[in-house]
Amino acid sequence: MYYAIISEDIEDSLSLRMQARPAHLERLNNLKDEGRLLVAGPHPALDTPEPGDAGFTGSLVIAEFDSLEAAQSWADADPYVAAGVYQKVTVKPFKVVLP
């Protein structure tokens, strides 16, 4: 089943994000290579794909896991969590309807 991992950043998280980004992307690429990643990306702080110094307010990952517990465990091990980027992470089951 798919799960949505919805993360909210702390204020002014950009420098922490940049430091942890390579390890964060490596984990996402592993999911992609395993055929389990539906979509992933950050929420820009401004209404533009490139928010510059304004940075991001959080992230969304939708990926396939064996269980809610497995998805939560994966989310808890995110390098952004360890780096203090996220103030809150919510994991929910997700049903793909469209397209």
Protein backbone atom coordinates (compact mmCIF):
# COMPACT_ATOMS: atom_id res chain seq x y z
CA MET A 1 0.00 0.00 0.00
CA TYR A 2 1.04 3.59 -0.52
CA TYR A 3 1.64 5.98 2.38
CA ALA A 4 1.89 9.78 2.40
CA ILE A 5 4.70 11.15 4.52
CA ILE A 6 3.86 14.80 5.17
CA SER A 7 6.62 16.77 6.88
CA GLU A 8 6.67 20.32 8.20
CA ASP A 9 9.93 22.25 8.50
CA ILE A 10 11.13 24.36 11.39
CA GLU A 11 11.53 28.08 10.64
CA ASP A 12 14.62 28.95 8.57
CA SER A 13 15.41 25.31 7.77
CA LEU A 14 17.24 25.94 4.49
CA SER A 15 20.83 25.62 5.77
CA LEU A 16 19.98 22.40 7.64
CA ARG A 17 18.20 21.06 4.56
CA MET A 18 21.19 21.72 2.33
CA GLN A 19 23.55 19.89 4.69
CA ALA A 20 21.37 16.77 4.90
CA ARG A 21 20.06 16.86 1.31
CA PRO A 22 22.49 14.35 -0.29
CA ALA A 23 21.64 11.63 2.25
CA HIS A 24 17.92 12.47 2.02
CA LEU A 25 17.96 12.18 -1.79
CA GLU A 26 19.91 8.92 -1.64
CA ARG A 27 17.11 7.30 0.38
CA LEU A 28 14.48 8.62 -2.04
CA ASN A 29 16.46 7.34 -5.01
CA ASN A 30 16.64 3.92 -3.36
CA LEU A 31 12.83 3.87 -3.14
CA LYS A 32 12.65 4.96 -6.79
CA ASP A 33 15.09 2.25 -7.88
CA GLU A 34 12.97 -0.32 -6.03
CA GLY A 35 9.87 0.91 -7.91
CA ARG A 36 8.19 2.04 -4.67
CA LEU A 37 8.25 5.84 -5.03
CA LEU A 38 5.16 7.50 -6.47
CA VAL A 39 6.19 11.14 -5.92
CA ALA A 40 8.42 13.22 -3.66
CA GLY A 41 9.29 16.86 -3.28
CA PRO A 42 9.43 19.94 -1.07
CA HIS A 43 6.84 22.65 -0.46
CA PRO A 44 8.40 25.99 -1.51
CA ALA A 45 7.93 28.81 1.00
CA LEU A 46 7.01 31.14 -1.88
CA ASP A 47 4.66 30.57 -4.82
CA THR A 48 7.51 29.66 -7.17
CA PRO A 49 9.46 26.48 -7.91
CA GLU A 50 12.70 28.25 -6.91
CA PRO A 51 12.07 30.11 -3.62
CA GLY A 52 15.71 31.09 -3.13
CA ASP A 53 16.62 32.07 0.43
CA ALA A 54 12.97 31.71 1.54
CA GLY A 55 13.51 27.96 1.36
CA PHE A 56 10.83 25.40 2.00
CA THR A 57 8.08 24.76 4.53
CA GLY A 58 8.04 20.99 4.37
CA SER A 59 8.03 17.93 2.13
CA LEU A 60 5.74 15.27 0.73
CA VAL A 61 6.74 11.70 -0.03
CA ILE A 62 4.25 9.14 -1.33
CA ALA A 63 5.75 5.68 -1.46
CA GLU A 64 4.84 2.02 -1.12
CA PHE A 65 5.53 0.20 2.13
CA ASP A 66 4.42 -3.12 3.62
CA SER A 67 2.64 -1.44 6.53
CA LEU A 68 1.99 1.84 8.31
CA GLU A 69 4.64 0.84 10.84
CA ALA A 70 7.20 0.29 8.07
CA ALA A 71 6.38 3.68 6.54
CA GLN A 72 6.65 5.37 9.94
CA SER A 73 9.98 3.67 10.62
CA TRP A 74 11.32 4.80 7.24
CA ALA A 75 10.12 8.37 7.90
CA ASP A 76 11.67 8.40 11.38
CA ALA A 77 15.06 7.49 9.89
CA ASP A 78 15.06 10.37 7.37
CA PRO A 79 18.29 12.40 7.48
CA TYR A 80 16.16 15.56 7.65
CA VAL A 81 14.72 14.29 10.94
CA ALA A 82 18.22 13.65 12.33
CA ALA A 83 19.37 17.10 11.13
CA GLY A 84 16.47 18.86 12.85
CA VAL A 85 14.85 20.09 9.61
CA TYR A 86 11.38 18.79 10.45
CA GLN A 87 9.27 19.92 13.38
CA LYS A 88 6.47 17.47 12.56
CA VAL A 89 6.08 14.34 10.43
CA THR A 90 2.72 12.72 9.72
CA VAL A 91 2.40 9.33 8.02
CA LYS A 92 -0.97 8.29 6.56
CA PRO A 93 -2.23 5.56 4.25
CA PHE A 94 -2.75 6.86 0.71
CA LYS A 95 -5.04 5.46 -1.98
CA VAL A 96 -4.09 6.26 -5.56
CA VAL A 97 -7.24 7.07 -7.56
CA LEU A 98 -6.07 9.24 -10.46
CA PRO A 99 -4.49 9.30 -12.93
